[in-house]
């Protein structure tokens, strides 16, 4: 059965978690070996945040990739999204524990005074309910339409994430331009598809197929 799958679908989704966490583990190991330069905490914090952004952008690209090229990576989208959340959590933990030493007065002052911290915190808070509901049980409990509506908030999280990244860098580096451009293109593509759907005459399913159709659409987007 697995031999019938395209080569890019033969990896089990569960294995992607182990592969995806390797970059973070390697960066941490370099820090332990004192190989991250004069400010290892900042390098660790930056790299973990960048990997969170990479996985967010990758998750956003899966549907356009399928529609435009036929390469179907939908079976990996949940793992990609949860890896983004894991890296965002590690990024935040590094900031709270290593950078601020759990000084909540200083942390609150940062949130209030520094826009990039405010935006980064907002992006993380958006990701929390998305991660909690990224399972079939929550999809069934919420229902397809409500689940799908909730998970559209990932678009705002991605936009906030790339703005956070640009503001942290403080200058328009080539990498910042690349990520900003990718996010604009991917969100623009989705906005175009949504506009085309709203402009096209709709055919509403009837009978027992309604619930099943809504659930399938929620999973495939």
N, C-alpha and C. Protein backbone atom coordinates (compact mmCIF):
# COMPACT_ATOMS: atom_id res chain seq x y z
N UNK A 1 0.83 -1.21 0.00
CA UNK A 1 0.00 0.00 0.00
C UNK A 1 0.86 1.26 0.00
N UNK A 2 1.89 1.26 0.86
CA UNK A 2 2.76 2.44 0.94
C UNK A 2 3.58 2.62 -0.33
N UNK A 3 3.88 1.49 -1.03
CA UNK A 3 4.65 1.58 -2.27
C UNK A 3 3.87 2.31 -3.35
N UNK A 4 2.52 2.32 -3.23
CA UNK A 4 1.69 2.99 -4.23
C UNK A 4 1.69 4.51 -4.03
N UNK A 5 2.14 4.98 -2.87
CA UNK A 5 2.16 6.40 -2.60
C UNK A 5 3.30 7.08 -3.34
N UNK A 6 3.14 8.36 -3.70
CA UNK A 6 4.28 9.10 -4.24
C UNK A 6 5.41 9.14 -3.22
N UNK A 7 6.63 9.30 -3.68
CA UNK A 7 7.79 9.24 -2.79
C UNK A 7 7.69 10.23 -1.65
N UNK A 8 7.09 11.41 -1.92
CA UNK A 8 7.03 12.45 -0.90
C UNK A 8 5.94 12.20 0.14
N UNK A 9 5.14 11.13 -0.03
CA UNK A 9 4.11 10.79 0.95
C UNK A 9 4.44 9.52 1.73
N UNK A 10 5.59 8.95 1.50
CA UNK A 10 5.91 7.66 2.13
C UNK A 10 6.37 7.81 3.58
N UNK A 11 6.80 8.99 3.95
CA UNK A 11 7.17 9.22 5.35
C UNK A 11 5.92 9.28 6.21
N UNK A 12 5.92 8.57 7.31
CA UNK A 12 4.78 8.62 8.22
C UNK A 12 4.72 10.00 8.88
N UNK A 13 3.50 10.56 9.02
CA UNK A 13 3.40 11.89 9.63
C UNK A 13 4.04 11.96 11.01
N UNK A 14 3.94 10.88 11.78
CA UNK A 14 4.54 10.89 13.12
C UNK A 14 6.05 11.05 13.09
N UNK A 15 6.69 10.52 12.05
CA UNK A 15 8.15 10.63 11.95
C UNK A 15 8.59 12.07 11.71
N UNK A 16 7.68 12.88 11.16
CA UNK A 16 8.03 14.26 10.87
C UNK A 16 8.33 15.05 12.14
N UNK A 17 7.71 14.66 13.26
CA UNK A 17 7.99 15.35 14.52
C UNK A 17 9.46 15.17 14.92
N UNK A 18 9.96 13.95 14.76
CA UNK A 18 11.35 13.68 15.14
C UNK A 18 12.32 14.42 14.21
N UNK A 19 11.99 14.43 12.92
CA UNK A 19 12.84 15.14 11.96
C UNK A 19 12.78 16.65 12.21
N UNK A 20 11.57 17.14 12.46
CA UNK A 20 11.37 18.57 12.61
C UNK A 20 12.03 19.17 13.84
N UNK A 21 12.19 18.36 14.88
CA UNK A 21 12.78 18.90 16.12
C UNK A 21 14.30 18.87 16.09
N UNK A 22 14.89 18.21 15.09
CA UNK A 22 16.35 18.10 15.01
C UNK A 22 17.05 19.46 14.97
N UNK A 23 16.60 20.43 14.16
CA UNK A 23 17.31 21.72 14.14
C UNK A 23 17.36 22.41 15.51
N UNK A 24 16.25 22.36 16.26
CA UNK A 24 16.24 22.96 17.58
C UNK A 24 17.15 22.24 18.54
N UNK A 25 17.13 20.91 18.48
CA UNK A 25 18.00 20.12 19.35
C UNK A 25 19.47 20.37 19.03
N UNK A 26 19.77 20.51 17.73
CA UNK A 26 21.16 20.76 17.33
C UNK A 26 21.62 22.14 17.81
N UNK A 27 20.76 23.14 17.69
CA UNK A 27 21.11 24.48 18.17
C UNK A 27 21.34 24.47 19.68
N UNK A 28 20.49 23.75 20.40
CA UNK A 28 20.65 23.65 21.85
C UNK A 28 21.97 22.95 22.19
N UNK A 29 22.29 21.90 21.43
CA UNK A 29 23.55 21.18 21.68
C UNK A 29 24.75 22.09 21.42
N UNK A 30 24.67 22.90 20.38
CA UNK A 30 25.76 23.84 20.11
C UNK A 30 25.91 24.84 21.26
N UNK A 31 24.77 25.23 21.83
CA UNK A 31 24.83 26.14 22.98
C UNK A 31 25.51 25.50 24.18
N UNK A 32 25.18 24.24 24.43
CA UNK A 32 25.80 23.52 25.54
C UNK A 32 27.31 23.40 25.33
N UNK A 33 27.72 23.26 24.06
CA UNK A 33 29.15 23.14 23.74
C UNK A 33 29.82 24.50 23.56
N UNK A 34 29.06 25.56 23.87
CA UNK A 34 29.58 26.92 23.76
C UNK A 34 30.03 27.25 22.34
N UNK A 35 29.18 26.89 21.37
CA UNK A 35 29.50 27.11 19.96
C UNK A 35 28.55 28.11 19.30
N UNK A 36 27.85 28.91 20.09
CA UNK A 36 26.89 29.85 19.52
C UNK A 36 27.36 31.30 19.59
N UNK A 37 28.64 31.50 19.82
CA UNK A 37 29.17 32.85 19.80
C UNK A 37 29.10 33.53 21.16
N UNK A 38 29.32 34.85 21.18
CA UNK A 38 29.40 35.57 22.46
C UNK A 38 28.06 35.72 23.18
N UNK A 39 26.94 35.59 22.46
CA UNK A 39 25.62 35.73 23.09
C UNK A 39 24.76 34.52 22.72
N UNK A 40 25.05 33.36 23.30
CA UNK A 40 24.35 32.13 22.89
C UNK A 40 22.85 32.17 23.15
N UNK A 41 22.44 32.85 24.23
CA UNK A 41 21.02 32.91 24.53
C UNK A 41 20.25 33.60 23.42
N UNK A 42 20.78 34.70 22.91
CA UNK A 42 20.12 35.44 21.84
C UNK A 42 20.07 34.62 20.55
N UNK A 43 21.17 33.89 20.27
CA UNK A 43 21.20 33.05 19.07
C UNK A 43 20.16 31.94 19.18
N UNK A 44 20.09 31.30 20.35
CA UNK A 44 19.11 30.23 20.57
C UNK A 44 17.69 30.77 20.44
N UNK A 45 17.44 31.91 21.06
CA UNK A 45 16.11 32.52 21.00
C UNK A 45 15.73 32.86 19.56
N UNK A 46 16.67 33.45 18.82
CA UNK A 46 16.40 33.84 17.44
C UNK A 46 16.15 32.63 16.55
N UNK A 47 17.00 31.59 16.69
CA UNK A 47 16.86 30.43 15.81
C UNK A 47 15.57 29.67 16.07
N UNK A 48 15.18 29.54 17.33
CA UNK A 48 13.92 28.85 17.64
C UNK A 48 12.74 29.61 17.06
N UNK A 49 12.77 30.93 17.17
CA UNK A 49 11.70 31.74 16.59
C UNK A 49 11.66 31.64 15.08
N UNK A 50 12.84 31.61 14.46
CA UNK A 50 12.89 31.51 13.01
C UNK A 50 12.35 30.17 12.52
N UNK A 51 12.63 29.10 13.25
CA UNK A 51 12.07 27.80 12.86
C UNK A 51 10.56 27.77 13.04
N UNK A 52 10.06 28.45 14.05
CA UNK A 52 8.60 28.56 14.19
C UNK A 52 8.01 29.24 12.96
N UNK A 53 8.63 30.32 12.51
CA UNK A 53 8.15 31.03 11.33
C UNK A 53 8.26 30.16 10.08
N UNK A 54 9.35 29.41 9.95
CA UNK A 54 9.52 28.53 8.79
C UNK A 54 8.40 27.51 8.71
N UNK A 55 8.05 26.89 9.84
CA UNK A 55 7.00 25.89 9.82
C UNK A 55 5.62 26.52 9.59
N UNK A 56 5.42 27.73 10.09
CA UNK A 56 4.16 28.43 9.81
C UNK A 56 4.00 28.70 8.32
N UNK A 57 5.08 29.18 7.69
CA UNK A 57 5.04 29.46 6.26
C UNK A 57 4.86 28.16 5.47
N UNK A 58 5.55 27.10 5.89
CA UNK A 58 5.39 25.82 5.21
C UNK A 58 3.95 25.32 5.30
N UNK A 59 3.35 25.43 6.48
CA UNK A 59 1.96 25.02 6.63
C UNK A 59 1.03 25.82 5.75
N UNK A 60 1.32 27.10 5.59
CA UNK A 60 0.49 27.96 4.76
C UNK A 60 0.66 27.63 3.28
N UNK A 61 1.79 27.05 2.92
CA UNK A 61 2.09 26.75 1.52
C UNK A 61 1.52 25.42 1.05
N UNK A 62 1.07 24.56 1.96
CA UNK A 62 0.68 23.21 1.58
C UNK A 62 -0.52 23.20 0.63
N UNK A 63 -1.55 23.98 0.92
CA UNK A 63 -2.73 23.99 0.05
C UNK A 63 -2.42 24.60 -1.32
N UNK A 64 -1.78 25.78 -1.40
CA UNK A 64 -1.43 26.29 -2.74
C UNK A 64 -0.54 25.33 -3.52
N UNK A 65 0.38 24.65 -2.84
CA UNK A 65 1.26 23.69 -3.52
C UNK A 65 0.43 22.57 -4.14
N UNK A 66 -0.56 22.09 -3.41
CA UNK A 66 -1.42 21.02 -3.95
C UNK A 66 -2.23 21.50 -5.13
N UNK A 67 -2.79 22.70 -5.03
CA UNK A 67 -3.65 23.20 -6.11
C UNK A 67 -2.87 23.57 -7.36
N UNK A 68 -1.67 24.08 -7.19
CA UNK A 68 -0.91 24.58 -8.33
C UNK A 68 -0.02 23.52 -8.97
N UNK A 69 0.44 22.54 -8.18
CA UNK A 69 1.39 21.56 -8.71
C UNK A 69 0.90 20.11 -8.61
N UNK A 70 -0.13 19.87 -7.81
CA UNK A 70 -0.60 18.51 -7.61
C UNK A 70 0.15 17.76 -6.52
N UNK A 71 1.19 18.38 -5.93
CA UNK A 71 1.93 17.74 -4.83
C UNK A 71 1.10 17.85 -3.56
N UNK A 72 0.65 16.72 -3.06
CA UNK A 72 -0.29 16.70 -1.94
C UNK A 72 0.43 16.33 -0.64
N UNK A 73 0.62 17.33 0.21
CA UNK A 73 1.26 17.13 1.51
C UNK A 73 0.28 17.35 2.66
N UNK A 74 -1.01 17.24 2.37
CA UNK A 74 -2.01 17.52 3.40
C UNK A 74 -1.88 16.60 4.60
N UNK A 75 -1.41 15.38 4.40
CA UNK A 75 -1.29 14.44 5.52
C UNK A 75 -0.24 14.90 6.54
N UNK A 76 0.62 15.85 6.14
CA UNK A 76 1.66 16.35 7.04
C UNK A 76 1.31 17.71 7.65
N UNK A 77 0.19 18.28 7.28
CA UNK A 77 -0.08 19.66 7.70
C UNK A 77 -0.27 19.78 9.21
N UNK A 78 -0.92 18.81 9.83
CA UNK A 78 -1.09 18.87 11.28
C UNK A 78 0.26 18.84 11.98
N UNK A 79 1.15 17.94 11.55
CA UNK A 79 2.48 17.85 12.16
C UNK A 79 3.26 19.14 11.95
N UNK A 80 3.16 19.73 10.76
CA UNK A 80 3.86 20.99 10.48
C UNK A 80 3.34 22.09 11.39
N UNK A 81 2.02 22.17 11.55
CA UNK A 81 1.45 23.19 12.42
C UNK A 81 1.85 23.02 13.87
N UNK A 82 1.86 21.78 14.33
CA UNK A 82 2.25 21.54 15.72
C UNK A 82 3.74 21.77 15.94
N UNK A 83 4.55 21.50 14.94
CA UNK A 83 5.98 21.82 15.05
C UNK A 83 6.18 23.33 15.14
N UNK A 84 5.40 24.08 14.39
CA UNK A 84 5.47 25.54 14.50
C UNK A 84 5.13 25.98 15.92
N UNK A 85 4.12 25.36 16.51
CA UNK A 85 3.73 25.70 17.88
C UNK A 85 4.82 25.29 18.87
N UNK A 86 5.42 24.12 18.66
CA UNK A 86 6.49 23.67 19.56
C UNK A 86 7.65 24.64 19.54
N UNK A 87 8.05 25.04 18.35
CA UNK A 87 9.17 25.99 18.25
C UNK A 87 8.79 27.36 18.82
N UNK A 88 7.56 27.79 18.59
CA UNK A 88 7.12 29.07 19.17
C UNK A 88 7.13 28.99 20.69
N UNK A 89 6.73 27.84 21.24
CA UNK A 89 6.74 27.66 22.69
C UNK A 89 8.17 27.67 23.24
N UNK A 90 9.09 27.01 22.53
CA UNK A 90 10.49 27.01 22.96
C UNK A 90 11.10 28.40 22.84
N UNK A 91 10.74 29.12 21.80
CA UNK A 91 11.20 30.50 21.60
C UNK A 91 10.73 31.37 22.77
N UNK A 92 9.45 31.24 23.11
CA UNK A 92 8.89 32.03 24.22
C UNK A 92 9.53 31.62 25.55
N UNK A 93 9.71 30.32 25.75
CA UNK A 93 10.32 29.84 27.00
C UNK A 93 11.74 30.37 27.16
N UNK A 94 12.49 30.40 26.05
CA UNK A 94 13.86 30.94 26.09
C UNK A 94 13.84 32.41 26.51
N UNK A 95 12.89 33.16 25.96
CA UNK A 95 12.77 34.57 26.31
C UNK A 95 12.39 34.74 27.79
N UNK A 96 11.40 33.97 28.25
CA UNK A 96 10.91 34.14 29.62
C UNK A 96 11.94 33.69 30.66
N UNK A 97 12.59 32.55 30.40
CA UNK A 97 13.45 31.94 31.42
C UNK A 97 14.89 32.41 31.29
N UNK A 98 15.47 32.31 30.09
CA UNK A 98 16.90 32.63 29.94
C UNK A 98 17.14 34.12 29.77
N UNK A 99 16.24 34.79 29.06
CA UNK A 99 16.44 36.21 28.80
C UNK A 99 15.97 37.06 29.98
N UNK A 100 14.76 36.79 30.47
CA UNK A 100 14.17 37.63 31.51
C UNK A 100 14.20 37.00 32.90
N UNK A 101 14.68 35.76 33.02
CA UNK A 101 14.76 35.10 34.33
C UNK A 101 13.43 35.11 35.09
N UNK A 102 12.35 34.96 34.33
CA UNK A 102 10.99 34.94 34.90
C UNK A 102 10.69 36.20 35.73
N UNK A 103 11.29 37.30 35.34
CA UNK A 103 11.00 38.59 35.98
C UNK A 103 9.75 39.16 35.30
N UNK A 104 8.58 38.88 35.91
CA UNK A 104 7.33 39.20 35.24
C UNK A 104 7.06 40.69 35.16
N UNK A 105 7.65 41.46 36.05
CA UNK A 105 7.54 42.92 35.94
C UNK A 105 8.25 43.40 34.68
N UNK A 106 9.48 42.89 34.47
CA UNK A 106 10.23 43.27 33.27
C UNK A 106 9.57 42.73 32.01
N UNK A 107 9.01 41.54 32.11
CA UNK A 107 8.33 40.95 30.95
C UNK A 107 7.12 41.79 30.56
N UNK A 108 6.33 42.20 31.55
CA UNK A 108 5.16 43.03 31.26
C UNK A 108 5.58 44.37 30.68
N UNK A 109 6.65 44.94 31.20
CA UNK A 109 7.16 46.21 30.67
C UNK A 109 7.58 46.05 29.21
N UNK A 110 8.20 44.92 28.88
CA UNK A 110 8.58 44.63 27.50
C UNK A 110 7.35 44.54 26.60
N UNK A 111 6.33 43.83 27.07
CA UNK A 111 5.12 43.65 26.28
C UNK A 111 4.47 45.00 25.98
N UNK A 112 4.46 45.87 26.97
CA UNK A 112 3.81 47.18 26.83
C UNK A 112 4.63 48.13 25.97
N UNK A 113 5.95 48.12 26.14
CA UNK A 113 6.80 49.15 25.53
C UNK A 113 7.38 48.77 24.18
N UNK A 114 7.55 47.47 23.93
CA UNK A 114 8.22 47.05 22.71
C UNK A 114 7.22 46.39 21.76
N UNK A 115 6.93 47.04 20.64
CA UNK A 115 5.92 46.50 19.72
C UNK A 115 6.23 45.08 19.24
N UNK A 116 7.50 44.76 19.02
CA UNK A 116 7.79 43.42 18.50
C UNK A 116 7.48 42.35 19.54
N UNK A 117 7.63 42.68 20.84
CA UNK A 117 7.24 41.73 21.89
C UNK A 117 5.73 41.59 21.93
N UNK A 118 5.02 42.71 21.84
CA UNK A 118 3.56 42.70 21.85
C UNK A 118 3.02 41.84 20.72
N UNK A 119 3.55 42.06 19.52
CA UNK A 119 3.08 41.32 18.35
C UNK A 119 3.45 39.85 18.45
N UNK A 120 4.64 39.56 18.94
CA UNK A 120 5.05 38.16 19.11
C UNK A 120 4.17 37.43 20.11
N UNK A 121 3.85 38.08 21.22
CA UNK A 121 2.96 37.47 22.22
C UNK A 121 1.58 37.22 21.63
N UNK A 122 1.10 38.18 20.85
CA UNK A 122 -0.22 38.02 20.22
C UNK A 122 -0.22 36.83 19.27
N UNK A 123 0.84 36.68 18.48
CA UNK A 123 0.94 35.55 17.57
C UNK A 123 0.92 34.23 18.33
N UNK A 124 1.65 34.17 19.44
CA UNK A 124 1.68 32.93 20.22
C UNK A 124 0.32 32.62 20.82
N UNK A 125 -0.35 33.62 21.35
CA UNK A 125 -1.67 33.40 21.95
C UNK A 125 -2.68 32.90 20.91
N UNK A 126 -2.54 33.35 19.68
CA UNK A 126 -3.42 32.85 18.62
C UNK A 126 -3.15 31.37 18.36
N UNK A 127 -1.88 30.99 18.41
CA UNK A 127 -1.51 29.60 18.11
C UNK A 127 -1.98 28.62 19.17
N UNK A 128 -2.15 29.07 20.41
CA UNK A 128 -2.50 28.15 21.50
C UNK A 128 -3.80 27.40 21.23
N UNK A 129 -4.94 28.09 20.97
CA UNK A 129 -6.17 27.32 20.71
C UNK A 129 -6.10 26.50 19.43
N UNK A 130 -5.31 26.93 18.47
CA UNK A 130 -5.17 26.15 17.24
C UNK A 130 -4.45 24.84 17.51
N UNK A 131 -3.41 24.89 18.35
CA UNK A 131 -2.70 23.67 18.70
C UNK A 131 -3.58 22.73 19.52
N UNK A 132 -4.34 23.30 20.46
CA UNK A 132 -5.20 22.48 21.32
C UNK A 132 -6.26 21.75 20.50
N UNK A 133 -6.76 22.38 19.46
CA UNK A 133 -7.85 21.80 18.66
C UNK A 133 -7.36 21.08 17.41
N UNK A 134 -6.05 20.87 17.29
CA UNK A 134 -5.51 20.20 16.10
C UNK A 134 -5.56 18.69 16.25
N UNK A 135 -6.75 18.17 16.41
CA UNK A 135 -6.94 16.72 16.49
C UNK A 135 -8.36 16.40 16.03
N UNK A 136 -8.56 15.15 15.64
CA UNK A 136 -9.85 14.74 15.09
C UNK A 136 -10.98 14.84 16.10
N UNK A 137 -10.65 14.60 17.39
CA UNK A 137 -11.69 14.67 18.42
C UNK A 137 -12.26 16.08 18.52
N UNK A 138 -11.39 17.10 18.47
CA UNK A 138 -11.87 18.48 18.55
C UNK A 138 -12.59 18.88 17.26
N UNK A 139 -12.15 18.34 16.14
CA UNK A 139 -12.86 18.61 14.88
C UNK A 139 -14.29 18.11 14.96
N UNK A 140 -14.46 16.89 15.47
CA UNK A 140 -15.81 16.34 15.60
C UNK A 140 -16.62 17.12 16.64
N UNK A 141 -15.98 17.51 17.73
CA UNK A 141 -16.69 18.21 18.80
C UNK A 141 -17.14 19.60 18.36
N UNK A 142 -16.27 20.33 17.67
CA UNK A 142 -16.61 21.68 17.23
C UNK A 142 -17.49 21.68 16.00
N UNK A 143 -17.35 20.65 15.18
CA UNK A 143 -18.04 20.63 13.89
C UNK A 143 -17.16 21.29 12.83
N UNK A 144 -17.30 20.81 11.60
CA UNK A 144 -16.45 21.29 10.52
C UNK A 144 -16.41 22.79 10.35
N UNK A 145 -17.57 23.48 10.22
CA UNK A 145 -17.55 24.92 9.97
C UNK A 145 -16.90 25.72 11.11
N UNK A 146 -17.21 25.39 12.37
CA UNK A 146 -16.64 26.13 13.50
C UNK A 146 -15.15 25.87 13.60
N UNK A 147 -14.74 24.62 13.40
CA UNK A 147 -13.31 24.28 13.45
C UNK A 147 -12.54 25.03 12.37
N UNK A 148 -13.12 25.04 11.18
CA UNK A 148 -12.48 25.72 10.06
C UNK A 148 -12.37 27.22 10.32
N UNK A 149 -13.43 27.81 10.84
CA UNK A 149 -13.41 29.24 11.14
C UNK A 149 -12.35 29.57 12.18
N UNK A 150 -12.22 28.73 13.21
CA UNK A 150 -11.20 28.94 14.24
C UNK A 150 -9.81 28.88 13.64
N UNK A 151 -9.57 27.90 12.79
CA UNK A 151 -8.22 27.69 12.27
C UNK A 151 -7.84 28.68 11.19
N UNK A 152 -8.78 29.48 10.73
CA UNK A 152 -8.39 30.58 9.83
C UNK A 152 -7.59 31.65 10.56
N UNK A 153 -7.62 31.64 11.88
CA UNK A 153 -6.82 32.60 12.64
C UNK A 153 -5.32 32.38 12.44
N UNK A 154 -4.96 31.22 11.87
CA UNK A 154 -3.54 30.99 11.61
C UNK A 154 -3.00 32.02 10.63
N UNK A 155 -3.84 32.55 9.75
CA UNK A 155 -3.38 33.56 8.80
C UNK A 155 -2.89 34.80 9.55
N UNK A 156 -3.62 35.20 10.58
CA UNK A 156 -3.21 36.35 11.38
C UNK A 156 -1.94 36.03 12.16
N UNK A 157 -1.85 34.79 12.66
CA UNK A 157 -0.66 34.39 13.41
C UNK A 157 0.58 34.44 12.53
N UNK A 158 0.46 33.98 11.28
CA UNK A 158 1.60 34.01 10.36
C UNK A 158 2.00 35.45 10.05
N UNK A 159 1.00 36.29 9.78
CA UNK A 159 1.29 37.70 9.49
C UNK A 159 1.97 38.36 10.68
N UNK A 160 1.44 38.11 11.88
CA UNK A 160 2.05 38.68 13.09
C UNK A 160 3.45 38.13 13.31
N UNK A 161 3.64 36.85 12.99
CA UNK A 161 4.95 36.24 13.17
C UNK A 161 6.01 36.87 12.28
N UNK A 162 5.66 37.13 11.03
CA UNK A 162 6.66 37.72 10.13
C UNK A 162 6.93 39.18 10.49
N UNK A 163 5.90 39.90 10.96
CA UNK A 163 6.12 41.28 11.42
C UNK A 163 7.02 41.27 12.65
N UNK A 164 6.78 40.35 13.57
CA UNK A 164 7.62 40.20 14.76
C UNK A 164 9.08 39.96 14.35
N UNK A 165 9.27 39.09 13.38
CA UNK A 165 10.62 38.76 12.92
C UNK A 165 11.32 39.97 12.32
N UNK A 166 10.60 40.73 11.52
CA UNK A 166 11.18 41.92 10.88
C UNK A 166 11.53 42.97 11.92
N UNK A 167 10.64 43.17 12.90
CA UNK A 167 10.90 44.18 13.93
C UNK A 167 12.06 43.79 14.83
N UNK A 168 12.21 42.51 15.09
CA UNK A 168 13.35 42.05 15.90
C UNK A 168 14.65 42.33 15.16
N UNK A 169 14.66 42.06 13.85
CA UNK A 169 15.87 42.30 13.05
C UNK A 169 16.21 43.78 12.96
N UNK A 170 15.17 44.64 13.00
CA UNK A 170 15.33 46.10 12.98
C UNK A 170 15.79 46.65 11.63
N UNK A 171 16.21 45.79 10.73
CA UNK A 171 16.59 46.22 9.38
C UNK A 171 15.99 45.21 8.39
N UNK A 172 15.84 45.66 7.16
CA UNK A 172 15.30 44.78 6.12
C UNK A 172 16.44 43.94 5.55
N UNK A 173 16.73 42.83 6.23
CA UNK A 173 17.71 41.89 5.72
C UNK A 173 17.09 41.10 4.55
N UNK A 174 17.96 40.45 3.77
CA UNK A 174 17.46 39.67 2.63
C UNK A 174 16.50 38.58 3.10
N UNK A 175 16.83 37.95 4.23
CA UNK A 175 15.97 36.89 4.76
C UNK A 175 14.62 37.44 5.18
N UNK A 176 14.59 38.64 5.76
CA UNK A 176 13.33 39.27 6.15
C UNK A 176 12.46 39.53 4.94
N UNK A 177 13.09 40.01 3.86
CA UNK A 177 12.34 40.29 2.62
C UNK A 177 11.76 39.01 2.05
N UNK A 178 12.54 37.93 2.08
CA UNK A 178 12.08 36.64 1.54
C UNK A 178 10.85 36.15 2.31
N UNK A 179 10.92 36.14 3.64
CA UNK A 179 9.79 35.65 4.43
C UNK A 179 8.58 36.55 4.30
N UNK A 180 8.79 37.86 4.31
CA UNK A 180 7.68 38.78 4.13
C UNK A 180 7.02 38.58 2.77
N UNK A 181 7.84 38.42 1.73
CA UNK A 181 7.31 38.20 0.40
C UNK A 181 6.52 36.91 0.29
N UNK A 182 7.04 35.83 0.90
CA UNK A 182 6.34 34.55 0.87
C UNK A 182 4.98 34.64 1.57
N UNK A 183 4.96 35.30 2.72
CA UNK A 183 3.70 35.42 3.46
C UNK A 183 2.69 36.26 2.67
N UNK A 184 3.14 37.34 2.08
CA UNK A 184 2.23 38.18 1.28
C UNK A 184 1.68 37.38 0.10
N UNK A 185 2.54 36.64 -0.59
CA UNK A 185 2.09 35.84 -1.73
C UNK A 185 1.09 34.77 -1.32
N UNK A 186 1.40 34.05 -0.23
CA UNK A 186 0.53 32.96 0.21
C UNK A 186 -0.81 33.47 0.72
N UNK A 187 -0.79 34.54 1.49
CA UNK A 187 -2.06 35.11 1.97
C UNK A 187 -2.83 35.73 0.82
N UNK A 188 -2.12 36.35 -0.12
CA UNK A 188 -2.79 36.92 -1.29
C UNK A 188 -3.44 35.85 -2.14
N UNK A 189 -2.77 34.71 -2.29
CA UNK A 189 -3.34 33.60 -3.05
C UNK A 189 -4.63 33.09 -2.39
N UNK A 190 -4.58 32.94 -1.08
CA UNK A 190 -5.78 32.46 -0.38
C UNK A 190 -6.92 33.47 -0.48
N UNK A 191 -6.59 34.77 -0.39
CA UNK A 191 -7.62 35.79 -0.52
C UNK A 191 -8.24 35.74 -1.91
N UNK A 192 -7.43 35.50 -2.94
CA UNK A 192 -7.94 35.40 -4.30
C UNK A 192 -8.88 34.20 -4.45
N UNK A 193 -8.48 33.05 -3.91
CA UNK A 193 -9.33 31.87 -3.98
C UNK A 193 -10.65 32.09 -3.25
N UNK A 194 -10.56 32.73 -2.10
CA UNK A 194 -11.78 33.00 -1.32
C UNK A 194 -12.71 33.94 -2.09
N UNK A 195 -12.13 34.93 -2.74
CA UNK A 195 -12.94 35.86 -3.54
C UNK A 195 -13.60 35.14 -4.71
N UNK A 196 -12.86 34.26 -5.37
CA UNK A 196 -13.43 33.51 -6.48
C UNK A 196 -14.57 32.61 -6.04
N UNK A 197 -14.42 32.01 -4.86
CA UNK A 197 -15.48 31.14 -4.34
C UNK A 197 -16.73 31.94 -4.01
N UNK A 198 -16.53 33.13 -3.41
CA UNK A 198 -17.69 33.94 -3.04
C UNK A 198 -18.39 34.49 -4.26
N UNK A 199 -17.63 34.70 -5.35
CA UNK A 199 -18.23 35.24 -6.57
C UNK A 199 -18.92 34.17 -7.39
N UNK A 200 -18.49 32.91 -7.24
CA UNK A 200 -19.07 31.82 -8.02
C UNK A 200 -20.41 31.40 -7.42
N UNK A 201 -21.37 30.97 -8.25
CA UNK A 201 -22.65 30.46 -7.71
C UNK A 201 -22.41 29.20 -6.91
N UNK A 202 -22.99 29.13 -5.72
CA UNK A 202 -22.76 27.99 -4.83
C UNK A 202 -23.85 26.97 -4.97
N UNK A 203 -23.47 25.70 -4.78
CA UNK A 203 -24.43 24.60 -4.75
C UNK A 203 -24.38 23.98 -3.38
N UNK A 204 -25.43 24.12 -2.62
CA UNK A 204 -25.47 23.64 -1.25
C UNK A 204 -25.78 22.15 -1.24
N UNK A 205 -24.99 21.35 -0.51
CA UNK A 205 -25.29 19.91 -0.39
C UNK A 205 -26.54 19.70 0.45
N UNK A 206 -27.23 18.62 0.17
CA UNK A 206 -28.45 18.33 0.91
C UNK A 206 -28.34 16.97 1.55
N UNK A 207 -29.21 16.74 2.53
CA UNK A 207 -29.32 15.42 3.13
C UNK A 207 -28.13 15.05 3.97
N UNK A 208 -27.86 13.74 4.02
CA UNK A 208 -26.82 13.22 4.91
C UNK A 208 -25.42 13.65 4.49
N UNK A 209 -25.27 14.07 3.22
CA UNK A 209 -23.94 14.46 2.76
C UNK A 209 -23.47 15.78 3.30
N UNK A 210 -24.33 16.57 3.92
CA UNK A 210 -23.95 17.91 4.35
C UNK A 210 -22.85 17.88 5.39
N UNK A 211 -23.07 17.13 6.49
CA UNK A 211 -22.08 17.11 7.58
C UNK A 211 -20.76 16.51 7.11
N UNK A 212 -20.85 15.42 6.35
CA UNK A 212 -19.62 14.78 5.87
C UNK A 212 -18.84 15.71 4.96
N UNK A 213 -19.56 16.43 4.10
CA UNK A 213 -18.90 17.35 3.19
C UNK A 213 -18.22 18.48 3.91
N UNK A 214 -18.86 19.03 4.92
CA UNK A 214 -18.26 20.11 5.68
C UNK A 214 -17.02 19.63 6.40
N UNK A 215 -17.06 18.43 6.99
CA UNK A 215 -15.89 17.91 7.68
C UNK A 215 -14.74 17.68 6.73
N UNK A 216 -15.05 17.16 5.54
CA UNK A 216 -13.98 16.92 4.58
C UNK A 216 -13.35 18.22 4.12
N UNK A 217 -14.18 19.25 3.90
CA UNK A 217 -13.64 20.54 3.49
C UNK A 217 -12.78 21.14 4.57
N UNK A 218 -13.16 20.98 5.83
CA UNK A 218 -12.37 21.55 6.92
C UNK A 218 -10.99 20.90 6.98
N UNK A 219 -10.92 19.60 6.72
CA UNK A 219 -9.64 18.90 6.80
C UNK A 219 -8.77 19.24 5.60
N UNK A 220 -9.39 19.42 4.41
CA UNK A 220 -8.60 19.58 3.19
C UNK A 220 -8.07 20.97 2.99
N UNK A 221 -8.53 21.96 3.76
CA UNK A 221 -8.08 23.33 3.54
C UNK A 221 -6.77 23.59 4.21
